[in-house]
């Protein structure tokens, strides 16, 4: 679920630093997903594109590459102004987040 090679590279193998950035990611992600869901519900393509871009970058910064790909799909929908596939993409993002959040919680324990 995470690219540990990438995490070790950016942290120099510092487990405490890795735990800190994963904790920040875990804390910030639910709010971003909520903003994305609200943008999809309102049909607000511009906000969707911006918030999904932020989430994509955040996911990439912790090595959550698959999650970043899902956020990228929503970012593209927002930037292109075509939200027809956004509700389904949002469901995939939310489902993946549930699994990833559980994984991160178990890792932190």
PDB file of N, CA and C in Angstrom:
ATOM      1  N   UNK A   1       0.818  -1.196   0.000  1.00  0.00           N
ATOM      2  CA  UNK A   1       0.000   0.000   0.000  1.00  0.00           C
ATOM      3  C   UNK A   1       0.859   1.256   0.000  1.00  0.00           C
ATOM      4  N   UNK A   2       2.074   1.118   0.525  1.00  0.00           N
ATOM      5  CA  UNK A   2       3.017   2.237   0.543  1.00  0.00           C
ATOM      6  C   UNK A   2       4.315   1.810  -0.118  1.00  0.00           C
ATOM      7  N   UNK A   3       4.947   2.755  -0.751  1.00  0.00           N
ATOM      8  CA  UNK A   3       6.241   2.518  -1.374  1.00  0.00           C
ATOM      9  C   UNK A   3       7.318   2.782  -0.310  1.00  0.00           C
ATOM     10  N   UNK A   4       7.715   1.727   0.376  1.00  0.00           N
ATOM     11  CA  UNK A   4       8.680   1.894   1.469  1.00  0.00           C
ATOM     12  C   UNK A   4      10.069   2.262   0.969  1.00  0.00           C
ATOM     13  N   UNK A   5      10.406   1.876  -0.239  1.00  0.00           N
ATOM     14  CA  UNK A   5      11.689   2.314  -0.793  1.00  0.00           C
ATOM     15  C   UNK A   5      11.720   3.834  -0.861  1.00  0.00           C
ATOM     16  N   UNK A   6      10.615   4.409  -1.339  1.00  0.00           N
ATOM     17  CA  UNK A   6      10.522   5.872  -1.430  1.00  0.00           C
ATOM     18  C   UNK A   6      10.571   6.504  -0.037  1.00  0.00           C
ATOM     19  N   UNK A   7       9.789   5.956   0.899  1.00  0.00           N
ATOM     20  CA  UNK A   7       9.784   6.507   2.261  1.00  0.00           C
ATOM     21  C   UNK A   7      11.171   6.462   2.898  1.00  0.00           C
ATOM     22  N   UNK A   8      11.868   5.350   2.717  1.00  0.00           N
ATOM     23  CA  UNK A   8      13.212   5.234   3.283  1.00  0.00           C
ATOM     24  C   UNK A   8      14.181   6.199   2.610  1.00  0.00           C
ATOM     25  N   UNK A   9      13.981   6.401   1.312  1.00  0.00           N
ATOM     26  CA  UNK A   9      14.844   7.332   0.580  1.00  0.00           C
ATOM     27  C   UNK A   9      14.678   8.760   1.090  1.00  0.00           C
ATOM     28  N   UNK A  10      13.420   9.210   1.237  1.00  0.00           N
ATOM     29  CA  UNK A  10      13.212  10.606   1.650  1.00  0.00           C
ATOM     30  C   UNK A  10      13.500  10.832   3.123  1.00  0.00           C
ATOM     31  N   UNK A  11      13.458   9.753   3.919  1.00  0.00           N
ATOM     32  CA  UNK A  11      13.652   9.910   5.364  1.00  0.00           C
ATOM     33  C   UNK A  11      15.041   9.506   5.824  1.00  0.00           C
ATOM     34  N   UNK A  12      15.818   8.944   4.919  1.00  0.00           N
ATOM     35  CA  UNK A  12      17.109   8.410   5.331  1.00  0.00           C
ATOM     36  C   UNK A  12      16.949   7.229   6.274  1.00  0.00           C
ATOM     37  N   UNK A  13      15.795   6.568   6.192  1.00  0.00           N
ATOM     38  CA  UNK A  13      15.542   5.410   7.048  1.00  0.00           C
ATOM     39  C   UNK A  13      15.123   5.768   8.461  1.00  0.00           C
ATOM     40  N   UNK A  14      14.826   7.039   8.712  1.00  0.00           N
ATOM     41  CA  UNK A  14      14.438   7.509  10.041  1.00  0.00           C
ATOM     42  C   UNK A  14      12.982   7.122  10.316  1.00  0.00           C
ATOM     43  N   UNK A  15      12.785   6.077  11.102  1.00  0.00           N
ATOM     44  CA  UNK A  15      11.437   5.562  11.383  1.00  0.00           C
ATOM     45  C   UNK A  15      10.566   6.606  12.087  1.00  0.00           C
ATOM     46  N   UNK A  16      11.160   7.413  12.935  1.00  0.00           N
ATOM     47  CA  UNK A  16      10.394   8.451  13.638  1.00  0.00           C
ATOM     48  C   UNK A  16       9.853   9.483  12.647  1.00  0.00           C
ATOM     49  N   UNK A  17      10.678   9.879  11.690  1.00  0.00           N
ATOM     50  CA  UNK A  17      10.237  10.822  10.663  1.00  0.00           C
ATOM     51  C   UNK A  17       9.140  10.209   9.806  1.00  0.00           C
ATOM     52  N   UNK A  18       9.305   8.946   9.422  1.00  0.00           N
ATOM     53  CA  UNK A  18       8.284   8.254   8.632  1.00  0.00           C
ATOM     54  C   UNK A  18       6.965   8.236   9.401  1.00  0.00           C
ATOM     55  N   UNK A  19       7.023   7.899  10.675  1.00  0.00           N
ATOM     56  CA  UNK A  19       5.806   7.864  11.492  1.00  0.00           C
ATOM     57  C   UNK A  19       5.148   9.243  11.545  1.00  0.00           C
ATOM     58  N   UNK A  20       5.944  10.285  11.623  1.00  0.00           N
ATOM     59  CA  UNK A  20       5.411  11.649  11.689  1.00  0.00           C
ATOM     60  C   UNK A  20       4.705  12.047  10.384  1.00  0.00           C
ATOM     61  N   UNK A  21       5.332  11.770   9.247  1.00  0.00           N
ATOM     62  CA  UNK A  21       4.692  12.174   7.988  1.00  0.00           C
ATOM     63  C   UNK A  21       3.454  11.325   7.704  1.00  0.00           C
ATOM     64  N   UNK A  22       3.477  10.062   8.097  1.00  0.00           N
ATOM     65  CA  UNK A  22       2.291   9.229   7.922  1.00  0.00           C
ATOM     66  C   UNK A  22       1.164   9.679   8.848  1.00  0.00           C
ATOM     67  N   UNK A  23       1.514  10.120  10.039  1.00  0.00           N
ATOM     68  CA  UNK A  23       0.517  10.636  10.970  1.00  0.00           C
ATOM     69  C   UNK A  23      -0.129  11.905  10.421  1.00  0.00           C
ATOM     70  N   UNK A  24       0.680  12.805   9.881  1.00  0.00           N
ATOM     71  CA  UNK A  24       0.153  14.034   9.274  1.00  0.00           C
ATOM     72  C   UNK A  24      -0.761  13.707   8.102  1.00  0.00           C
ATOM     73  N   UNK A  25      -0.329  12.784   7.270  1.00  0.00           N
ATOM     74  CA  UNK A  25      -1.123  12.359   6.115  1.00  0.00           C
ATOM     75  C   UNK A  25      -2.466  11.794   6.568  1.00  0.00           C
ATOM     76  N   UNK A  26      -2.432  10.938   7.580  1.00  0.00           N
ATOM     77  CA  UNK A  26      -3.651  10.311   8.105  1.00  0.00           C
ATOM     78  C   UNK A  26      -4.600  11.357   8.692  1.00  0.00           C
ATOM     79  N   UNK A  27      -4.043  12.366   9.321  1.00  0.00           N
ATOM     80  CA  UNK A  27      -4.874  13.408   9.933  1.00  0.00           C
ATOM     81  C   UNK A  27      -5.518  14.326   8.886  1.00  0.00           C
ATOM     82  N   UNK A  28      -4.816  14.629   7.807  1.00  0.00           N
ATOM     83  CA  UNK A  28      -5.288  15.601   6.821  1.00  0.00           C
ATOM     84  C   UNK A  28      -6.197  15.002   5.750  1.00  0.00           C
ATOM     85  N   UNK A  29      -6.036  13.747   5.462  1.00  0.00           N
ATOM     86  CA  UNK A  29      -6.733  13.132   4.330  1.00  0.00           C
ATOM     87  C   UNK A  29      -8.259  13.127   4.451  1.00  0.00           C
ATOM     88  N   UNK A  30      -8.843  12.799   5.616  1.00  0.00           N
ATOM     89  CA  UNK A  30     -10.311  12.786   5.678  1.00  0.00           C
ATOM     90  C   UNK A  30     -10.949  14.128   5.300  1.00  0.00           C
ATOM     91  N   UNK A  31     -10.355  15.224   5.707  1.00  0.00           N
ATOM     92  CA  UNK A  31     -10.895  16.547   5.357  1.00  0.00           C
ATOM     93  C   UNK A  31     -10.811  16.789   3.850  1.00  0.00           C
ATOM     94  N   UNK A  32      -9.722  16.386   3.240  1.00  0.00           N
ATOM     95  CA  UNK A  32      -9.593  16.550   1.789  1.00  0.00           C
ATOM     96  C   UNK A  32     -10.625  15.701   1.053  1.00  0.00           C
ATOM     97  N   UNK A  33     -10.839  14.475   1.522  1.00  0.00           N
ATOM     98  CA  UNK A  33     -11.840  13.612   0.892  1.00  0.00           C
ATOM     99  C   UNK A  33     -13.229  14.223   1.046  1.00  0.00           C
ATOM    100  N   UNK A  34     -13.502  14.806   2.203  1.00  0.00           N
ATOM    101  CA  UNK A  34     -14.797  15.459   2.417  1.00  0.00           C
ATOM    102  C   UNK A  34     -14.973  16.637   1.458  1.00  0.00           C
ATOM    103  N   UNK A  35     -13.919  17.423   1.278  1.00  0.00           N
ATOM    104  CA  UNK A  35     -13.989  18.546   0.340  1.00  0.00           C
ATOM    105  C   UNK A  35     -14.215  18.052  -1.087  1.00  0.00           C
ATOM    106  N   UNK A  36     -13.588  16.957  -1.446  1.00  0.00           N
ATOM    107  CA  UNK A  36     -13.783  16.368  -2.777  1.00  0.00           C
ATOM    108  C   UNK A  36     -15.237  15.911  -2.933  1.00  0.00           C
ATOM    109  N   UNK A  37     -15.752  15.221  -1.924  1.00  0.00           N
ATOM    110  CA  UNK A  37     -17.133  14.742  -1.977  1.00  0.00           C
ATOM    111  C   UNK A  37     -18.106  15.903  -2.115  1.00  0.00           C
ATOM    112  N   UNK A  38     -17.864  16.971  -1.382  1.00  0.00           N
ATOM    113  CA  UNK A  38     -18.725  18.151  -1.475  1.00  0.00           C
ATOM    114  C   UNK A  38     -18.656  18.773  -2.867  1.00  0.00           C
ATOM    115  N   UNK A  39     -17.465  18.842  -3.422  1.00  0.00           N
ATOM    116  CA  UNK A  39     -17.302  19.413  -4.759  1.00  0.00           C
ATOM    117  C   UNK A  39     -18.029  18.560  -5.801  1.00  0.00           C
ATOM    118  N   UNK A  40     -17.929  17.251  -5.674  1.00  0.00           N
ATOM    119  CA  UNK A  40     -18.628  16.355  -6.605  1.00  0.00           C
ATOM    120  C   UNK A  40     -20.138  16.561  -6.464  1.00  0.00           C
ATOM    121  N   UNK A  41     -20.620  16.613  -5.225  1.00  0.00           N
ATOM    122  CA  UNK A  41     -22.058  16.772  -4.984  1.00  0.00           C
ATOM    123  C   UNK A  41     -22.587  18.092  -5.554  1.00  0.00           C
ATOM    124  N   UNK A  42     -21.769  19.146  -5.480  1.00  0.00           N
ATOM    125  CA  UNK A  42     -22.172  20.460  -5.997  1.00  0.00           C
ATOM    126  C   UNK A  42     -21.915  20.607  -7.487  1.00  0.00           C
ATOM    127  N   UNK A  43     -21.177  19.680  -8.075  1.00  0.00           N
ATOM    128  CA  UNK A  43     -20.796  19.812  -9.478  1.00  0.00           C
ATOM    129  C   UNK A  43     -19.757  20.901  -9.681  1.00  0.00           C
ATOM    130  N   UNK A  44     -18.939  21.116  -8.654  1.00  0.00           N
ATOM    131  CA  UNK A  44     -17.920  22.177  -8.667  1.00  0.00           C
ATOM    132  C   UNK A  44     -16.600  21.606  -9.190  1.00  0.00           C
ATOM    133  N   UNK A  45     -16.446  21.644 -10.499  1.00  0.00           N
ATOM    134  CA  UNK A  45     -15.272  21.049 -11.135  1.00  0.00           C
ATOM    135  C   UNK A  45     -13.973  21.732 -10.714  1.00  0.00           C
ATOM    136  N   UNK A  46     -13.990  23.052 -10.590  1.00  0.00           N
ATOM    137  CA  UNK A  46     -12.765  23.782 -10.248  1.00  0.00           C
ATOM    138  C   UNK A  46     -12.246  23.376  -8.873  1.00  0.00           C
ATOM    139  N   UNK A  47     -13.148  23.341  -7.894  1.00  0.00           N
ATOM    140  CA  UNK A  47     -12.735  22.945  -6.545  1.00  0.00           C
ATOM    141  C   UNK A  47     -12.289  21.491  -6.531  1.00  0.00           C
ATOM    142  N   UNK A  48     -13.024  20.648  -7.234  1.00  0.00           N
ATOM    143  CA  UNK A  48     -12.638  19.239  -7.310  1.00  0.00           C
ATOM    144  C   UNK A  48     -11.216  19.101  -7.834  1.00  0.00           C
ATOM    145  N   UNK A  49     -10.904  19.780  -8.918  1.00  0.00           N
ATOM    146  CA  UNK A  49      -9.566  19.702  -9.500  1.00  0.00           C
ATOM    147  C   UNK A  49      -8.483  20.140  -8.529  1.00  0.00           C
ATOM    148  N   UNK A  50      -8.739  21.248  -7.815  1.00  0.00           N
ATOM    149  CA  UNK A  50      -7.738  21.790  -6.880  1.00  0.00           C
ATOM    150  C   UNK A  50      -7.522  20.876  -5.678  1.00  0.00           C
ATOM    151  N   UNK A  51      -8.622  20.436  -5.068  1.00  0.00           N
ATOM    152  CA  UNK A  51      -8.496  19.622  -3.852  1.00  0.00           C
ATOM    153  C   UNK A  51      -7.938  18.238  -4.185  1.00  0.00           C
ATOM    154  N   UNK A  52      -8.380  17.665  -5.293  1.00  0.00           N
ATOM    155  CA  UNK A  52      -7.849  16.357  -5.694  1.00  0.00           C
ATOM    156  C   UNK A  52      -6.357  16.460  -6.009  1.00  0.00           C
ATOM    157  N   UNK A  53      -5.938  17.591  -6.575  1.00  0.00           N
ATOM    158  CA  UNK A  53      -4.507  17.817  -6.842  1.00  0.00           C
ATOM    159  C   UNK A  53      -3.731  17.822  -5.521  1.00  0.00           C
ATOM    160  N   UNK A  54      -4.271  18.506  -4.526  1.00  0.00           N
ATOM    161  CA  UNK A  54      -3.629  18.545  -3.204  1.00  0.00           C
ATOM    162  C   UNK A  54      -3.524  17.154  -2.604  1.00  0.00           C
ATOM    163  N   UNK A  55      -4.620  16.395  -2.696  1.00  0.00           N
ATOM    164  CA  UNK A  55      -4.620  15.039  -2.146  1.00  0.00           C
ATOM    165  C   UNK A  55      -3.626  14.151  -2.886  1.00  0.00           C
ATOM    166  N   UNK A  56      -3.578  14.287  -4.199  1.00  0.00           N
ATOM    167  CA  UNK A  56      -2.630  13.495  -5.007  1.00  0.00           C
ATOM    168  C   UNK A  56      -1.195  13.769  -4.549  1.00  0.00           C
ATOM    169  N   UNK A  57      -0.854  15.030  -4.390  1.00  0.00           N
ATOM    170  CA  UNK A  57       0.497  15.381  -3.961  1.00  0.00           C
ATOM    171  C   UNK A  57       0.815  14.857  -2.575  1.00  0.00           C
ATOM    172  N   UNK A  58      -0.149  14.959  -1.698  1.00  0.00           N
ATOM    173  CA  UNK A  58       0.037  14.461  -0.337  1.00  0.00           C
ATOM    174  C   UNK A  58       0.259  12.945  -0.343  1.00  0.00           C
ATOM    175  N   UNK A  59      -0.543  12.239  -1.139  1.00  0.00           N
ATOM    176  CA  UNK A  59      -0.402  10.784  -1.219  1.00  0.00           C
ATOM    177  C   UNK A  59       0.952  10.394  -1.806  1.00  0.00           C
ATOM    178  N   UNK A  60       1.354  11.098  -2.844  1.00  0.00           N
ATOM    179  CA  UNK A  60       2.661  10.790  -3.448  1.00  0.00           C
ATOM    180  C   UNK A  60       3.798  11.060  -2.473  1.00  0.00           C
ATOM    181  N   UNK A  61       3.632  12.077  -1.636  1.00  0.00           N
ATOM    182  CA  UNK A  61       4.709  12.440  -0.710  1.00  0.00           C
ATOM    183  C   UNK A  61       4.948  11.390   0.360  1.00  0.00           C
ATOM    184  N   UNK A  62       3.978  10.487   0.571  1.00  0.00           N
ATOM    185  CA  UNK A  62       4.178   9.409   1.540  1.00  0.00           C
ATOM    186  C   UNK A  62       4.286   8.050   0.870  1.00  0.00           C
ATOM    187  N   UNK A  63       4.346   8.033  -0.450  1.00  0.00           N
ATOM    188  CA  UNK A  63       4.522   6.775  -1.165  1.00  0.00           C
ATOM    189  C   UNK A  63       3.239   5.974  -1.337  1.00  0.00           C
ATOM    190  N   UNK A  64       2.082   6.624  -1.212  1.00  0.00           N
ATOM    191  CA  UNK A  64       0.794   5.947  -1.415  1.00  0.00           C
ATOM    192  C   UNK A  64       0.402   6.109  -2.883  1.00  0.00           C
ATOM    193  N   UNK A  65       1.133   5.419  -3.733  1.00  0.00           N
ATOM    194  CA  UNK A  65       1.029   5.623  -5.172  1.00  0.00           C
ATOM    195  C   UNK A  65      -0.334   5.268  -5.755  1.00  0.00           C
ATOM    196  N   UNK A  66      -0.926   4.164  -5.330  1.00  0.00           N
ATOM    197  CA  UNK A  66      -2.238   3.775  -5.869  1.00  0.00           C
ATOM    198  C   UNK A  66      -3.308   4.780  -5.454  1.00  0.00           C
ATOM    199  N   UNK A  67      -3.235   5.235  -4.224  1.00  0.00           N
ATOM    200  CA  UNK A  67      -4.182   6.232  -3.728  1.00  0.00           C
ATOM    201  C   UNK A  67      -4.008   7.540  -4.509  1.00  0.00           C
ATOM    202  N   UNK A  68      -2.766   7.895  -4.789  1.00  0.00           N
ATOM    203  CA  UNK A  68      -2.488   9.098  -5.582  1.00  0.00           C
ATOM    204  C   UNK A  68      -3.086   8.971  -6.976  1.00  0.00           C
ATOM    205  N   UNK A  69      -3.047   7.786  -7.545  1.00  0.00           N
ATOM    206  CA  UNK A  69      -3.623   7.570  -8.875  1.00  0.00           C
ATOM    207  C   UNK A  69      -5.131   7.793  -8.873  1.00  0.00           C
ATOM    208  N   UNK A  70      -5.796   7.370  -7.822  1.00  0.00           N
ATOM    209  CA  UNK A  70      -7.234   7.608  -7.706  1.00  0.00           C
ATOM    210  C   UNK A  70      -7.529   9.098  -7.576  1.00  0.00           C
ATOM    211  N   UNK A  71      -6.718   9.795  -6.787  1.00  0.00           N
ATOM    212  CA  UNK A  71      -6.894  11.248  -6.648  1.00  0.00           C
ATOM    213  C   UNK A  71      -6.630  11.939  -7.979  1.00  0.00           C
ATOM    214  N   UNK A  72      -5.655  11.445  -8.734  1.00  0.00           N
ATOM    215  CA  UNK A  72      -5.336  12.020 -10.047  1.00  0.00           C
ATOM    216  C   UNK A  72      -6.523  11.898 -11.000  1.00  0.00           C
ATOM    217  N   UNK A  73      -7.209  10.773 -10.931  1.00  0.00           N
ATOM    218  CA  UNK A  73      -8.389  10.574 -11.778  1.00  0.00           C
ATOM    219  C   UNK A  73      -9.435  11.662 -11.491  1.00  0.00           C
ATOM    220  N   UNK A  74      -9.644  11.959 -10.215  1.00  0.00           N
ATOM    221  CA  UNK A  74     -10.590  13.003  -9.841  1.00  0.00           C
ATOM    222  C   UNK A  74     -10.064  14.390 -10.216  1.00  0.00           C
ATOM    223  N   UNK A  75      -8.767  14.585 -10.063  1.00  0.00           N
ATOM    224  CA  UNK A  75      -8.157  15.862 -10.467  1.00  0.00           C
ATOM    225  C   UNK A  75      -8.411  16.122 -11.947  1.00  0.00           C
ATOM    226  N   UNK A  76      -8.187  15.115 -12.758  1.00  0.00           N
ATOM    227  CA  UNK A  76      -8.381  15.265 -14.206  1.00  0.00           C
ATOM    228  C   UNK A  76      -9.845  15.558 -14.540  1.00  0.00           C
ATOM    229  N   UNK A  77     -10.751  14.880 -13.863  1.00  0.00           N
ATOM    230  CA  UNK A  77     -12.180  15.135 -14.089  1.00  0.00           C
ATOM    231  C   UNK A  77     -12.507  16.590 -13.793  1.00  0.00           C
ATOM    232  N   UNK A  78     -11.970  17.092 -12.694  1.00  0.00           N
ATOM    233  CA  UNK A  78     -12.209  18.481 -12.327  1.00  0.00           C
ATOM    234  C   UNK A  78     -11.598  19.446 -13.319  1.00  0.00           C
ATOM    235  N   UNK A  79     -10.375  19.207 -13.701  1.00  0.00           N
ATOM    236  CA  UNK A  79      -9.690  20.116 -14.628  1.00  0.00           C
ATOM    237  C   UNK A  79     -10.329  20.105 -16.010  1.00  0.00           C
ATOM    238  N   UNK A  80     -10.886  18.965 -16.407  1.00  0.00           N
ATOM    239  CA  UNK A  80     -11.532  18.867 -17.714  1.00  0.00           C
ATOM    240  C   UNK A  80     -12.990  19.315 -17.660  1.00  0.00           C
ATOM    241  N   UNK A  81     -13.499  19.519 -16.448  1.00  0.00           N
ATOM    242  CA  UNK A  81     -14.876  19.956 -16.299  1.00  0.00           C
ATOM    243  C   UNK A  81     -15.897  18.886 -16.642  1.00  0.00           C
ATOM    244  N   UNK A  82     -15.481  17.640 -16.637  1.00  0.00           N
ATOM    245  CA  UNK A  82     -16.378  16.529 -16.954  1.00  0.00           C
ATOM    246  C   UNK A  82     -16.497  15.645 -15.714  1.00  0.00           C
ATOM    247  N   UNK A  83     -17.582  15.815 -14.981  1.00  0.00           N
ATOM    248  CA  UNK A  83     -17.748  15.095 -13.722  1.00  0.00           C
ATOM    249  C   UNK A  83     -18.615  13.843 -13.852  1.00  0.00           C
ATOM    250  N   UNK A  84     -18.847  13.383 -15.070  1.00  0.00           N
ATOM    251  CA  UNK A  84     -19.725  12.216 -15.241  1.00  0.00           C
ATOM    252  C   UNK A  84     -19.188  10.980 -14.525  1.00  0.00           C
ATOM    253  N   UNK A  85     -17.893  10.784 -14.523  1.00  0.00           N
ATOM    254  CA  UNK A  85     -17.310   9.626 -13.842  1.00  0.00           C
ATOM    255  C   UNK A  85     -16.869   9.913 -12.415  1.00  0.00           C
ATOM    256  N   UNK A  86     -17.046  11.158 -11.961  1.00  0.00           N
ATOM    257  CA  UNK A  86     -16.540  11.546 -10.645  1.00  0.00           C
ATOM    258  C   UNK A  86     -17.201  10.802  -9.483  1.00  0.00           C
ATOM    259  N   UNK A  87     -18.521  10.597  -9.482  1.00  0.00           N
ATOM    260  CA  UNK A  87     -19.100   9.868  -8.340  1.00  0.00           C
ATOM    261  C   UNK A  87     -18.519   8.459  -8.173  1.00  0.00           C
ATOM    262  N   UNK A  88     -18.333   7.744  -9.272  1.00  0.00           N
ATOM    263  CA  UNK A  88     -17.754   6.394  -9.188  1.00  0.00           C
ATOM    264  C   UNK A  88     -16.295   6.460  -8.746  1.00  0.00           C
ATOM    265  N   UNK A  89     -15.553   7.439  -9.265  1.00  0.00           N
ATOM    266  CA  UNK A  89     -14.151   7.605  -8.867  1.00  0.00           C
ATOM    267  C   UNK A  89     -14.050   7.958  -7.391  1.00  0.00           C
ATOM    268  N   UNK A  90     -14.972   8.785  -6.918  1.00  0.00           N
ATOM    269  CA  UNK A  90     -15.005   9.154  -5.503  1.00  0.00           C
ATOM    270  C   UNK A  90     -15.257   7.918  -4.642  1.00  0.00           C
ATOM    271  N   UNK A  91     -16.164   7.058  -5.060  1.00  0.00           N
ATOM    272  CA  UNK A  91     -16.430   5.829  -4.299  1.00  0.00           C
ATOM    273  C   UNK A  91     -15.189   4.953  -4.219  1.00  0.00           C
ATOM    274  N   UNK A  92     -14.462   4.839  -5.326  1.00  0.00           N
ATOM    275  CA  UNK A  92     -13.225   4.045  -5.308  1.00  0.00           C
ATOM    276  C   UNK A  92     -12.197   4.673  -4.376  1.00  0.00           C
ATOM    277  N   UNK A  93     -12.095   6.008  -4.417  1.00  0.00           N
ATOM    278  CA  UNK A  93     -11.154   6.724  -3.544  1.00  0.00           C
ATOM    279  C   UNK A  93     -11.512   6.491  -2.080  1.00  0.00           C
ATOM    280  N   UNK A  94     -12.795   6.619  -1.752  1.00  0.00           N
ATOM    281  CA  UNK A  94     -13.224   6.442  -0.363  1.00  0.00           C
ATOM    282  C   UNK A  94     -12.996   5.013   0.113  1.00  0.00           C
ATOM    283  N   UNK A  95     -13.283   4.045  -0.729  1.00  0.00           N
ATOM    284  CA  UNK A  95     -13.086   2.645  -0.354  1.00  0.00           C
ATOM    285  C   UNK A  95     -11.597   2.348  -0.140  1.00  0.00           C
ATOM    286  N   UNK A  96     -10.771   2.880  -1.036  1.00  0.00           N
ATOM    287  CA  UNK A  96      -9.328   2.657  -0.885  1.00  0.00           C
ATOM    288  C   UNK A  96      -8.831   3.329   0.390  1.00  0.00           C
ATOM    289  N   UNK A  97      -9.343   4.519   0.684  1.00  0.00           N
ATOM    290  CA  UNK A  97      -8.916   5.237   1.879  1.00  0.00           C
ATOM    291  C   UNK A  97      -9.251   4.431   3.138  1.00  0.00           C
ATOM    292  N   UNK A  98     -10.417   3.806   3.183  1.00  0.00           N
ATOM    293  CA  UNK A  98     -10.774   2.996   4.355  1.00  0.00           C
ATOM    294  C   UNK A  98      -9.733   1.907   4.581  1.00  0.00           C
ATOM    295  N   UNK A  99      -9.335   1.240   3.527  1.00  0.00           N
ATOM    296  CA  UNK A  99      -8.334   0.178   3.626  1.00  0.00           C
ATOM    297  C   UNK A  99      -6.969   0.751   4.009  1.00  0.00           C
ATOM    298  N   UNK A 100      -6.589   1.850   3.368  1.00  0.00           N
ATOM    299  CA  UNK A 100      -5.287   2.468   3.646  1.00  0.00           C
ATOM    300  C   UNK A 100      -5.231   3.011   5.068  1.00  0.00           C
ATOM    301  N   UNK A 101      -6.291   3.648   5.526  1.00  0.00           N
ATOM    302  CA  UNK A 101      -6.315   4.208   6.884  1.00  0.00           C
ATOM    303  C   UNK A 101      -6.178   3.096   7.922  1.00  0.00           C
ATOM    304  N   UNK A 102      -6.856   1.973   7.682  1.00  0.00           N
ATOM    305  CA  UNK A 102      -6.746   0.840   8.598  1.00  0.00           C
ATOM    306  C   UNK A 102      -5.315   0.299   8.602  1.00  0.00           C
ATOM    307  N   UNK A 103      -4.741   0.195   7.423  1.00  0.00           N
ATOM    308  CA  UNK A 103      -3.350  -0.267   7.303  1.00  0.00           C
ATOM    309  C   UNK A 103      -2.397   0.664   8.074  1.00  0.00           C
ATOM    310  N   UNK A 104      -2.590   1.970   7.911  1.00  0.00           N
ATOM    311  CA  UNK A 104      -1.721   2.938   8.585  1.00  0.00           C
ATOM    312  C   UNK A 104      -1.909   2.901  10.099  1.00  0.00           C
ATOM    313  N   UNK A 105      -3.148   2.683  10.521  1.00  0.00           N
ATOM    314  CA  UNK A 105      -3.425   2.582  11.964  1.00  0.00           C
ATOM    315  C   UNK A 105      -2.724   1.356  12.549  1.00  0.00           C
ATOM    316  N   UNK A 106      -2.779   0.238  11.831  1.00  0.00           N
ATOM    317  CA  UNK A 106      -2.129  -0.986  12.311  1.00  0.00           C
ATOM    318  C   UNK A 106      -0.613  -0.800  12.315  1.00  0.00           C
ATOM    319  N   UNK A 107      -0.092  -0.101  11.312  1.00  0.00           N
ATOM    320  CA  UNK A 107       1.347   0.127  11.238  1.00  0.00           C
ATOM    321  C   UNK A 107       1.832   0.989  12.404  1.00  0.00           C
ATOM    322  N   UNK A 108       0.992   1.967  12.779  1.00  0.00           N
ATOM    323  CA  UNK A 108       1.365   2.892  13.857  1.00  0.00           C
ATOM    324  C   UNK A 108       1.332   2.212  15.230  1.00  0.00           C
ATOM    325  N   UNK A 109       0.537   1.151  15.347  1.00  0.00           N
ATOM    326  CA  UNK A 109       0.382   0.483  16.665  1.00  0.00           C
ATOM    327  C   UNK A 109       1.616  -0.308  17.048  1.00  0.00           C
TER     328      UNK A 109
END
